[in-house]
C-alpha cells in the first residue's frame, strides 16, 4: 500500500494510508466514469458580464531562493461587442496577450462557440525545483503562442446556477532557449508543436474577482496532450518529454458571505491523477497566487509551483471577517493540506504537504479597489534539509465596474485568464 508520511515510516494500516489510497483510487474511477458519460469540455464559458479589472499578485520567500512569483494583467470583457451575439475577452499583461471572441448561440439556442489566440514572451519558461531547491542551471526560458476553438453547451438555461459542457481544442507552439544561468552541458528541449483537447462538465464556477461574495462549483475534467518533437533532454538525456499525457481532475468549491456580519468562508477540494505525465504536464502546487491559472493549487509558504505531482488531493480553506465597524478592514486565515505522488525525477521524502497563513485586507468604501497583505507558512516545505518555510505576499485588485457592496448574485461564469511567467526572468 502506498505510504503517505512526513518523512517517518508509518505502518501500512494507519488511517492516513487508508484515506489516501482510497481517495486516489476512488478519484481515478470517478473521473474515468465521468468522462465516459460526459460530453467534451474546457475551463470556462462566454462571460455575459461587462468587466474591467486590474489584478496584481506577488509572493516573496523568506528562506531560500525560489523563482520570482507574480502576475499583473488587465482583464477586459465586453458583451455585445460589434454585434449582439459577440463577446470580446482580453487578458493583457506587459508581454502577454490572451484573447477570445465568443459567439453566443452560434451552434444552437444553448450552444456557443469561441475562437482564441494567446501568447507572448516567457510564456513557456520552466523552473526546475527539486527537494526544495530552485535549480537555475536546469531551468530555461520558453516563449510560445497558441490558437484555440471552444464549444460551450448549457444544459439548464432556466436555472440560476449554470451547468455547462465545454470542449476546447488548442494548438500550441513552444520555443525553448538556454538563459544565462542554464548549465552549458544542459540541453534544453527541442522547439515543439503540441495539440491538446480538454473535456469536462462544470456546474457554476468562480469569477475572476477577489471581492465577489458568492461562488459555487462542481466540475470534472479530462485533458489529453499530444506533443511533437518529444524525446530526451537535460544532462545527457536524463529526462524526457512524453509524446502524450493524460490528465483527469475534479474540483468542488463553495464561497459564501453572510449578509449581516460579512464573514466569508471558502472551502474547496481539488484532486487529480495523470498518465504518462512529465515535468511539463504535471500538476504544480505551491504559493498564494489566486489568478495564476484557471485551477490554482495554492499551498501557503511554498515556492510558486514547488511541488510537481502526477496525483494529488488538495483541501483548501479560507475564513475572513471584518474587524472594524465600517467593515472595510478584514482579517483572513488560509489553510491547505493534502497528499501527492511525485513526477518521476522530482521525488522527495514525505508525501503529505500542509500550509497555513493569514492576512489583513482593505476594501474601499465604493468597492472599487481591494488590497491584501498575506503571510504563509509551509510546514513540510524543504529548505536546507529542514522542514518549514515562510512567505509574504501582496494581492491587489481594481474593479472599474464595481457593484455596490452587499449586492449578491449566484451566476458564476468561470473564465480563465492565464498570465505569463515572464517575471521570473525580467525582474530576477
Protein backbone atom coordinates (compact mmCIF):
# COMPACT_ATOMS: atom_id res chain seq x y z
CA UNK A 1 0.00 0.00 0.00
CA UNK A 2 1.21 3.49 -0.82
CA UNK A 3 2.62 5.30 2.22
CA UNK A 4 1.72 8.93 2.89
CA UNK A 5 4.02 10.38 5.53
CA UNK A 6 6.16 13.32 6.56
CA UNK A 7 9.49 11.56 6.33
CA UNK A 8 8.78 8.97 9.04
CA UNK A 9 7.88 5.36 8.32
CA UNK A 10 4.22 4.62 9.01
CA UNK A 11 2.50 1.30 9.43
CA UNK A 12 0.56 0.16 6.34
CA UNK A 13 -2.68 0.07 8.31
CA UNK A 14 -2.63 3.69 9.52
CA UNK A 15 -5.70 5.81 8.87
CA UNK A 16 -3.60 8.15 6.72
CA UNK A 17 -2.56 5.30 4.40
CA UNK A 18 -6.10 4.04 4.08
CA UNK A 19 -7.57 7.50 3.48
CA UNK A 20 -5.00 8.43 0.83
CA UNK A 21 -5.17 5.16 -1.09
CA UNK A 22 -8.96 5.13 -1.12
CA UNK A 23 -9.17 8.78 -2.18
CA UNK A 24 -6.72 8.45 -5.08
CA UNK A 25 -8.04 5.12 -6.38
CA UNK A 26 -11.63 6.22 -5.97
CA UNK A 27 -10.81 9.50 -7.72
CA UNK A 28 -9.45 7.68 -10.76
CA UNK A 29 -12.55 5.51 -11.08
CA UNK A 30 -14.89 8.50 -10.58
CA UNK A 31 -13.11 10.68 -13.14
CA UNK A 32 -12.90 7.95 -15.78
CA UNK A 33 -16.62 7.27 -15.32
CA UNK A 34 -17.43 10.99 -15.51
CA UNK A 35 -15.52 11.45 -18.77
CA UNK A 36 -17.05 8.35 -20.34
CA UNK A 37 -20.60 9.61 -19.77
CA UNK A 38 -19.91 13.33 -20.16
CA UNK A 39 -19.56 15.47 -23.28
CA UNK A 40 -16.28 17.18 -24.11
CA UNK A 41 -15.48 20.39 -22.14
CA UNK A 42 -12.97 23.25 -21.26
CA UNK A 43 -12.23 25.83 -18.48
CA UNK A 44 -14.96 28.44 -18.73
CA UNK A 45 -17.77 29.79 -20.85
CA UNK A 46 -18.65 33.03 -22.56
CA UNK A 47 -18.83 35.64 -19.82
CA UNK A 48 -22.07 37.71 -20.04
CA UNK A 49 -20.85 40.41 -17.60
CA UNK A 50 -19.07 43.62 -18.57
CA UNK A 51 -15.73 43.63 -16.71
CA UNK A 52 -12.67 45.85 -16.44
CA UNK A 53 -10.29 44.59 -13.79
CA UNK A 54 -6.66 45.17 -12.87
CA UNK A 55 -5.14 42.24 -10.98
CA UNK A 56 -1.71 42.20 -9.31
CA UNK A 57 -0.18 39.42 -7.23
CA UNK A 58 3.28 38.83 -5.78
CA UNK A 59 4.90 36.30 -3.42
CA UNK A 60 8.23 36.89 -1.63
CA UNK A 61 10.01 33.98 0.04
CA UNK A 62 11.74 34.46 3.38
CA UNK A 63 14.00 31.40 3.07
CA UNK A 64 15.83 30.08 0.06
CA UNK A 65 15.93 31.47 -3.46
CA UNK A 66 12.87 30.41 -5.41
CA UNK A 67 11.67 31.63 -8.81
CA UNK A 68 10.07 35.06 -8.81
CA UNK A 69 6.32 34.58 -8.47
CA UNK A 70 3.96 37.32 -9.59
CA UNK A 71 1.46 38.46 -12.15
CA UNK A 72 -0.07 41.69 -13.35
CA UNK A 73 -2.75 41.96 -16.00
CA UNK A 74 -5.74 43.93 -17.20
CA UNK A 75 -8.86 41.85 -17.71
CA UNK A 76 -11.49 43.17 -20.10
CA UNK A 77 -14.78 41.52 -21.05
CA UNK A 78 -17.19 43.25 -23.41
CA UNK A 79 -20.54 41.61 -24.31
CA UNK A 80 -22.34 42.99 -27.38
CA UNK A 81 -19.00 43.78 -28.99
CA UNK A 82 -19.79 44.98 -32.55
CA UNK A 83 -22.91 42.77 -32.59
CA UNK A 84 -25.42 41.46 -30.06
CA UNK A 85 -24.07 37.89 -30.06
CA UNK A 86 -20.32 38.68 -29.97
CA UNK A 87 -18.28 38.94 -26.76
CA UNK A 88 -14.66 40.09 -26.61
CA UNK A 89 -12.50 38.84 -23.72
CA UNK A 90 -8.94 40.10 -23.16
CA UNK A 91 -6.31 39.40 -20.53
CA UNK A 92 -3.39 41.74 -21.21
CA UNK A 93 -0.05 41.50 -19.39
CA UNK A 94 3.06 43.55 -20.29
CA UNK A 95 4.42 40.90 -22.66
CA UNK A 96 1.48 38.50 -22.92
CA UNK A 97 -1.97 38.54 -24.51
CA UNK A 98 -4.89 36.14 -24.15
CA UNK A 99 -7.95 36.96 -26.28
CA UNK A 100 -11.24 35.21 -27.05
CA UNK A 101 -14.03 36.09 -29.46
CA UNK A 102 -17.21 34.41 -28.23
CA UNK A 103 -20.24 33.87 -30.49
CA UNK A 104 -23.39 33.27 -28.47
CA UNK A 105 -25.97 30.79 -29.79
CA UNK A 106 -23.92 30.22 -32.94
CA UNK A 107 -24.43 26.43 -32.85
CA UNK A 108 -27.91 26.42 -31.36
CA UNK A 109 -30.07 28.22 -28.77
CA UNK A 110 -27.93 26.91 -25.88
CA UNK A 111 -24.59 26.31 -27.62
CA UNK A 112 -21.85 28.92 -28.05
CA UNK A 113 -18.51 28.95 -29.84
CA UNK A 114 -15.32 30.90 -29.09
CA UNK A 115 -12.11 31.39 -31.05
CA UNK A 116 -9.00 32.33 -29.08
CA UNK A 117 -5.45 33.47 -29.59
CA UNK A 118 -2.78 33.78 -26.89
CA UNK A 119 0.97 34.04 -26.49
CA UNK A 120 3.95 36.15 -25.62
CA UNK A 121 7.43 36.29 -24.22
CA UNK A 122 8.48 33.86 -21.48
CA UNK A 123 5.05 32.19 -21.51
CA UNK A 124 6.59 28.68 -21.56
CA UNK A 125 9.51 29.32 -19.20
CA UNK A 126 10.32 26.32 -17.00
CA UNK A 127 11.79 26.48 -13.47
CA UNK A 128 13.22 23.28 -12.01
CA UNK A 129 12.51 22.93 -8.27
CA UNK A 130 13.73 19.70 -6.69
CA UNK A 131 13.63 18.82 -2.98
CA UNK A 132 13.05 22.46 -2.07
CA UNK A 133 15.92 23.81 -4.16
CA UNK A 134 15.48 26.06 -7.18
CA UNK A 135 17.89 24.61 -9.78
CA UNK A 136 18.70 27.54 -12.02
CA UNK A 137 21.25 25.53 -14.01
CA UNK A 138 18.44 23.19 -15.03
CA UNK A 139 15.91 25.94 -15.77
CA UNK A 140 15.41 27.65 -19.11
CA UNK A 141 13.42 30.26 -21.00
CA UNK A 142 10.40 29.43 -23.13
CA UNK A 143 8.31 31.58 -25.43
CA UNK A 144 5.06 30.47 -27.02
CA UNK A 145 1.77 31.13 -28.70
CA UNK A 146 -1.44 29.29 -29.44
CA UNK A 147 -4.81 29.29 -31.14
CA UNK A 148 -7.90 27.59 -29.76
CA UNK A 149 -11.51 26.75 -30.54
CA UNK A 150 -14.04 26.18 -27.75
CA UNK A 151 -17.62 24.95 -27.69
CA UNK A 152 -19.93 25.65 -24.72
CA UNK A 153 -23.28 23.96 -24.27
CA UNK A 154 -25.58 24.88 -21.40
CA UNK A 155 -27.86 22.15 -20.07
CA UNK A 156 -30.07 24.29 -17.81
CA UNK A 157 -30.78 27.72 -19.36
CA UNK A 158 -33.67 28.32 -16.95
CA UNK A 159 -31.65 27.72 -13.76
CA UNK A 160 -29.72 30.32 -11.73
CA UNK A 161 -26.54 28.26 -11.36
CA UNK A 162 -25.43 27.26 -14.87
CA UNK A 163 -24.31 23.78 -15.88
CA UNK A 164 -22.02 23.73 -18.90
CA UNK A 165 -20.43 21.12 -21.10
CA UNK A 166 -17.25 22.56 -22.57
CA UNK A 167 -14.88 21.35 -25.29
CA UNK A 168 -11.62 23.03 -26.24
CA UNK A 169 -9.02 22.17 -28.86
CA UNK A 170 -5.73 24.04 -28.60
CA UNK A 171 -2.72 24.20 -30.94
CA UNK A 172 0.40 25.46 -29.16
CA UNK A 173 3.91 26.33 -30.38
CA UNK A 174 6.81 26.46 -27.88
CA UNK A 175 10.32 27.86 -28.35
CA UNK A 176 12.96 26.99 -25.73
CA UNK A 177 16.26 28.75 -25.12
CA UNK A 178 19.02 28.45 -22.54
CA UNK A 179 19.47 31.58 -20.45
CA UNK A 180 22.47 32.99 -18.63
CA UNK A 181 22.15 30.57 -15.69
CA UNK A 182 21.50 27.39 -17.68
CA UNK A 183 24.39 24.92 -17.47
CA UNK A 184 26.41 24.65 -20.69
CA UNK A 185 26.06 20.85 -20.56
CA UNK A 186 22.29 21.04 -20.12
CA UNK A 187 20.41 20.53 -23.39
CA UNK A 188 17.06 22.33 -23.46
CA UNK A 189 14.08 20.60 -25.11
CA UNK A 190 13.54 20.95 -28.83
CA UNK A 191 11.05 23.56 -30.02
CA UNK A 192 7.78 21.78 -30.41
CA UNK A 193 4.20 21.94 -31.61
CA UNK A 194 1.59 20.39 -29.36
CA UNK A 195 -2.14 19.81 -29.57
CA UNK A 196 -4.46 19.32 -26.60
CA UNK A 197 -8.12 18.53 -26.13
CA UNK A 198 -9.81 19.37 -22.83
CA UNK A 199 -13.23 17.99 -21.95
CA UNK A 200 -15.45 18.22 -18.90
CA UNK A 201 -18.62 19.40 -17.17
CA UNK A 202 -18.84 22.40 -14.85
CA UNK A 203 -21.71 23.37 -12.57
CA UNK A 204 -21.25 27.01 -11.55
CA UNK A 205 -17.70 28.35 -11.38
CA UNK A 206 -15.54 31.10 -9.89
CA UNK A 207 -15.46 34.67 -11.19
CA UNK A 208 -12.17 36.49 -11.95
CA UNK A 209 -12.55 38.79 -8.94
CA UNK A 210 -11.27 38.77 -5.37
CA UNK A 211 -14.36 40.52 -4.00
CA UNK A 212 -17.30 38.56 -5.41
CA UNK A 213 -19.26 37.34 -2.35
CA UNK A 214 -20.60 34.04 -3.72
CA UNK A 215 -19.34 31.11 -5.76
CA UNK A 216 -20.32 27.52 -6.26
CA UNK A 217 -18.60 24.92 -8.42
CA UNK A 218 -18.66 21.19 -9.04
CA UNK A 219 -16.68 20.11 -12.07
CA UNK A 220 -14.80 17.21 -13.65
CA UNK A 221 -12.20 17.42 -16.42
CA UNK A 222 -10.09 15.40 -18.81
CA UNK A 223 -7.23 16.67 -20.95
CA UNK A 224 -5.09 14.83 -23.46
CA UNK A 225 -1.88 16.47 -24.70
CA UNK A 226 -0.17 15.33 -27.90
CA UNK A 227 3.37 16.63 -28.48
CA UNK A 228 5.62 16.71 -31.49
CA UNK A 229 9.42 16.75 -31.08
CA UNK A 230 9.16 14.66 -27.91
CA UNK A 231 12.19 12.87 -26.52
CA UNK A 232 15.15 13.24 -24.17
CA UNK A 233 16.75 16.47 -22.97
CA UNK A 234 18.77 17.67 -19.97
CA UNK A 235 22.13 16.26 -18.91
CA UNK A 236 22.92 13.52 -21.45
CA UNK A 237 19.20 12.88 -21.89
CA UNK A 238 18.47 12.17 -18.21
CA UNK A 239 14.84 13.38 -18.59
CA UNK A 240 12.28 13.30 -21.40
CA UNK A 241 9.26 14.99 -22.93
CA UNK A 242 6.46 12.45 -23.28
CA UNK A 243 4.77 12.19 -26.66
CA UNK A 244 1.38 12.32 -24.95
CA UNK A 245 -0.01 12.83 -21.45
CA UNK A 246 -3.48 12.36 -19.97
CA UNK A 247 -4.83 14.39 -17.04
CA UNK A 248 -8.06 13.90 -15.08
CA UNK A 249 -9.14 16.16 -12.23
CA UNK A 250 -12.15 17.43 -10.33
CA UNK A 251 -12.99 20.37 -8.09
CA UNK A 252 -15.74 21.11 -5.58
CA UNK A 253 -15.85 24.69 -4.26
CA UNK A 254 -18.14 26.81 -2.11
CA UNK A 255 -17.68 30.51 -1.36
CA UNK A 256 -20.26 32.21 0.84
CA UNK A 257 -20.56 35.61 2.52
CA UNK A 258 -23.03 36.04 5.39
CA UNK A 259 -25.37 39.01 4.93
CA UNK A 260 -25.19 40.81 8.27
CA UNK A 261 -21.68 40.05 9.54
CA UNK A 262 -19.98 39.85 6.10
CA UNK A 263 -17.99 36.86 7.29
CA UNK A 264 -16.57 34.98 4.30
CA UNK A 265 -15.99 31.22 4.11
CA UNK A 266 -14.32 29.47 1.17
CA UNK A 267 -13.81 25.70 1.03
CA UNK A 268 -12.55 23.73 -1.97
CA UNK A 269 -11.42 20.18 -2.65
CA UNK A 270 -9.37 19.58 -5.79
CA UNK A 271 -7.98 16.20 -6.82
CA UNK A 272 -6.29 14.87 -9.90
CA UNK A 273 -4.47 11.95 -11.46
CA UNK A 274 -2.47 11.55 -14.65
CA UNK A 275 -0.96 9.02 -17.02
CA UNK A 276 2.45 9.44 -18.68
CA UNK A 277 2.93 12.82 -17.01
CA UNK A 278 6.27 14.63 -17.32
CA UNK A 279 7.65 17.90 -15.97
CA UNK A 280 5.55 19.90 -18.46
CA UNK A 281 2.23 18.19 -17.86
CA UNK A 282 2.38 17.57 -14.10
CA UNK A 283 0.19 19.30 -11.51
CA UNK A 284 2.18 22.16 -9.94
CA UNK A 285 1.34 23.01 -6.32
CA UNK A 286 2.61 25.93 -4.24
CA UNK A 287 2.33 29.63 -3.49
CA UNK A 288 -0.59 32.02 -2.91
CA UNK A 289 -1.49 33.47 -6.32
CA UNK A 290 -5.23 33.05 -6.98
CA UNK A 291 -5.25 34.06 -10.66
CA UNK A 292 -2.08 32.37 -11.86
CA UNK A 293 -4.23 29.80 -13.69
CA UNK A 294 -7.82 28.65 -14.01
CA UNK A 295 -7.20 25.97 -11.34
CA UNK A 296 -4.60 27.40 -8.93
CA UNK A 297 -3.24 24.81 -6.49
CA UNK A 298 -2.34 27.05 -3.56
CA UNK A 299 -0.05 25.96 -0.72
CA UNK A 300 0.89 28.78 1.69
CA UNK A 301 4.59 29.06 2.49
CA UNK A 302 5.81 27.11 -0.54
CA UNK A 303 7.60 28.35 -3.63
CA UNK A 304 5.33 29.04 -6.57
CA UNK A 305 4.70 25.64 -8.26
CA UNK A 306 7.26 23.98 -5.98
CA UNK A 307 5.63 20.53 -5.97
CA UNK A 308 5.29 18.58 -9.25
CA UNK A 309 2.72 15.82 -8.81
CA UNK A 310 1.28 13.12 -11.01
CA UNK A 311 -1.51 12.56 -8.46
CA UNK A 312 -2.77 14.74 -5.64
CA UNK A 313 -5.63 15.61 -3.32
CA UNK A 314 -5.72 19.19 -2.02
CA UNK A 315 -8.14 20.65 0.54
CA UNK A 316 -8.13 24.47 0.74
CA UNK A 317 -9.95 26.69 3.22
CA UNK A 318 -10.29 30.43 3.84
CA UNK A 319 -12.08 32.39 6.56
CA UNK A 320 -12.33 36.18 6.55
CA UNK A 321 -14.17 38.67 8.75
CA UNK A 322 -14.30 42.48 9.23
CA UNK A 323 -12.85 43.82 12.48
CA UNK A 324 -13.92 47.49 12.31
CA UNK A 325 -17.42 48.95 12.29
CA UNK A 326 -17.12 50.22 8.71
CA UNK A 327 -16.25 46.65 7.60
CA UNK A 328 -13.56 47.94 5.25
CA UNK A 329 -10.74 46.22 7.15
CA UNK A 330 -10.70 42.42 7.32
CA UNK A 331 -8.63 39.61 8.80
CA UNK A 332 -8.18 36.43 6.79
CA UNK A 333 -6.91 32.92 7.59
CA UNK A 334 -5.82 30.38 4.97
CA UNK A 335 -5.09 26.68 5.09
CA UNK A 336 -4.27 23.88 2.66
CA UNK A 337 -3.34 20.22 3.08
CA UNK A 338 -3.17 17.05 1.06
CA UNK A 339 -1.11 14.08 -0.21
CA UNK A 340 0.75 13.87 -3.52
CA UNK A 341 2.56 11.33 -5.64
CA UNK A 342 5.51 12.98 -7.37
CA UNK A 343 6.53 13.03 -11.00
CA UNK A 344 9.50 10.78 -11.72
CA UNK A 345 12.76 12.63 -11.08
CA UNK A 346 11.23 15.13 -8.63
CA UNK A 347 10.51 12.85 -5.68
CA UNK A 348 11.27 13.76 -2.07
CA UNK A 349 10.73 12.28 1.37
CA UNK A 350 7.24 12.84 2.64
CA UNK A 351 4.11 12.84 0.53
CA UNK A 352 1.83 14.98 2.66
CA UNK A 353 2.05 18.79 2.43
CA UNK A 354 0.38 21.37 4.67
CA UNK A 355 0.48 25.16 4.77
CA UNK A 356 -1.34 27.84 6.73
CA UNK A 357 -1.39 31.62 6.57
CA UNK A 358 -3.12 34.84 7.40
CA UNK A 359 -3.61 38.30 6.05
CA UNK A 360 -5.06 41.74 6.52
CA UNK A 361 -7.18 43.30 3.79
CA UNK A 362 -8.74 46.63 2.92
CA UNK A 363 -11.75 47.18 0.65
CA UNK A 364 -12.50 50.73 -0.43
CA UNK A 365 -15.97 52.09 0.54
CA UNK A 366 -17.03 52.04 -3.11
CA UNK A 367 -15.73 48.50 -3.56
CA UNK A 368 -13.60 49.65 -6.49
CA UNK A 369 -10.26 48.54 -5.11
CA UNK A 370 -9.07 45.82 -2.80
CA UNK A 371 -5.64 45.06 -1.33
CA UNK A 372 -4.42 42.35 1.00
CA UNK A 373 -1.09 41.55 2.63
CA UNK A 374 -0.63 37.84 3.26
CA UNK A 375 1.73 35.59 5.17
CA UNK A 376 2.12 31.85 4.72
CA UNK A 377 4.00 29.03 6.43
CA UNK A 378 4.64 25.70 4.73
CA UNK A 379 5.13 23.01 7.38
CA UNK A 380 6.54 20.38 5.02
CA UNK A 381 8.49 22.56 2.57
CA UNK A 382 12.17 21.55 2.48
CA UNK A 383 14.75 24.29 2.99
CA UNK A 384 18.42 23.38 3.58
CA UNK A 385 17.49 19.82 4.60
CA UNK A 386 15.00 21.08 7.17
CA UNK A 387 11.21 21.32 7.16
CA UNK A 388 9.42 24.64 7.26
CA UNK A 389 9.33 27.76 5.07
CA UNK A 390 7.71 31.20 5.14
CA UNK A 391 6.50 33.72 2.60
CA UNK A 392 4.79 37.09 2.41
CA UNK A 393 2.71 38.39 -0.44
CA UNK A 394 0.56 41.15 -1.86
CA UNK A 395 -2.71 40.87 -3.78
CA UNK A 396 -4.37 43.90 -5.39
CA UNK A 397 -7.47 44.42 -7.49
CA UNK A 398 -9.06 47.47 -9.07
CA UNK A 399 -12.55 47.00 -10.48
CA UNK A 400 -13.72 49.72 -12.88
CA UNK A 401 -17.20 48.16 -12.89
CA UNK A 402 -17.53 47.75 -9.12
CA UNK A 403 -21.02 46.98 -7.86
CA UNK A 404 -22.49 48.30 -4.60
CA UNK A 405 -21.22 46.34 -1.62
CA UNK A 406 -23.58 43.72 -0.34
CA UNK A 407 -25.18 43.04 -3.72
CA UNK A 408 -25.14 39.29 -4.37
CA UNK A 409 -25.85 37.12 -7.35
CA UNK A 410 -25.35 33.43 -7.96
CA UNK A 411 -24.37 33.43 -11.63
CA UNK A 412 -20.71 32.44 -11.87
CA UNK A 413 -19.11 32.34 -15.34
CA UNK A 414 -15.74 30.79 -14.50
CA UNK A 415 -13.35 32.32 -17.03
CA UNK A 416 -9.64 31.53 -17.18
CA UNK A 417 -7.22 34.45 -17.71
CA UNK A 418 -3.79 32.85 -18.00
CA UNK A 419 -0.78 35.02 -17.27
CA UNK A 420 2.81 34.95 -18.47
CA UNK A 421 5.55 33.84 -16.07
CA UNK A 422 7.94 36.36 -17.60
CA UNK A 423 8.65 37.96 -14.23
CA UNK A 424 10.90 35.01 -13.42
CA UNK A 425 13.44 36.29 -15.94
CA UNK A 426 12.66 40.01 -16.31
CA UNK A 427 12.86 41.00 -12.64
CA UNK A 428 15.41 38.48 -11.41
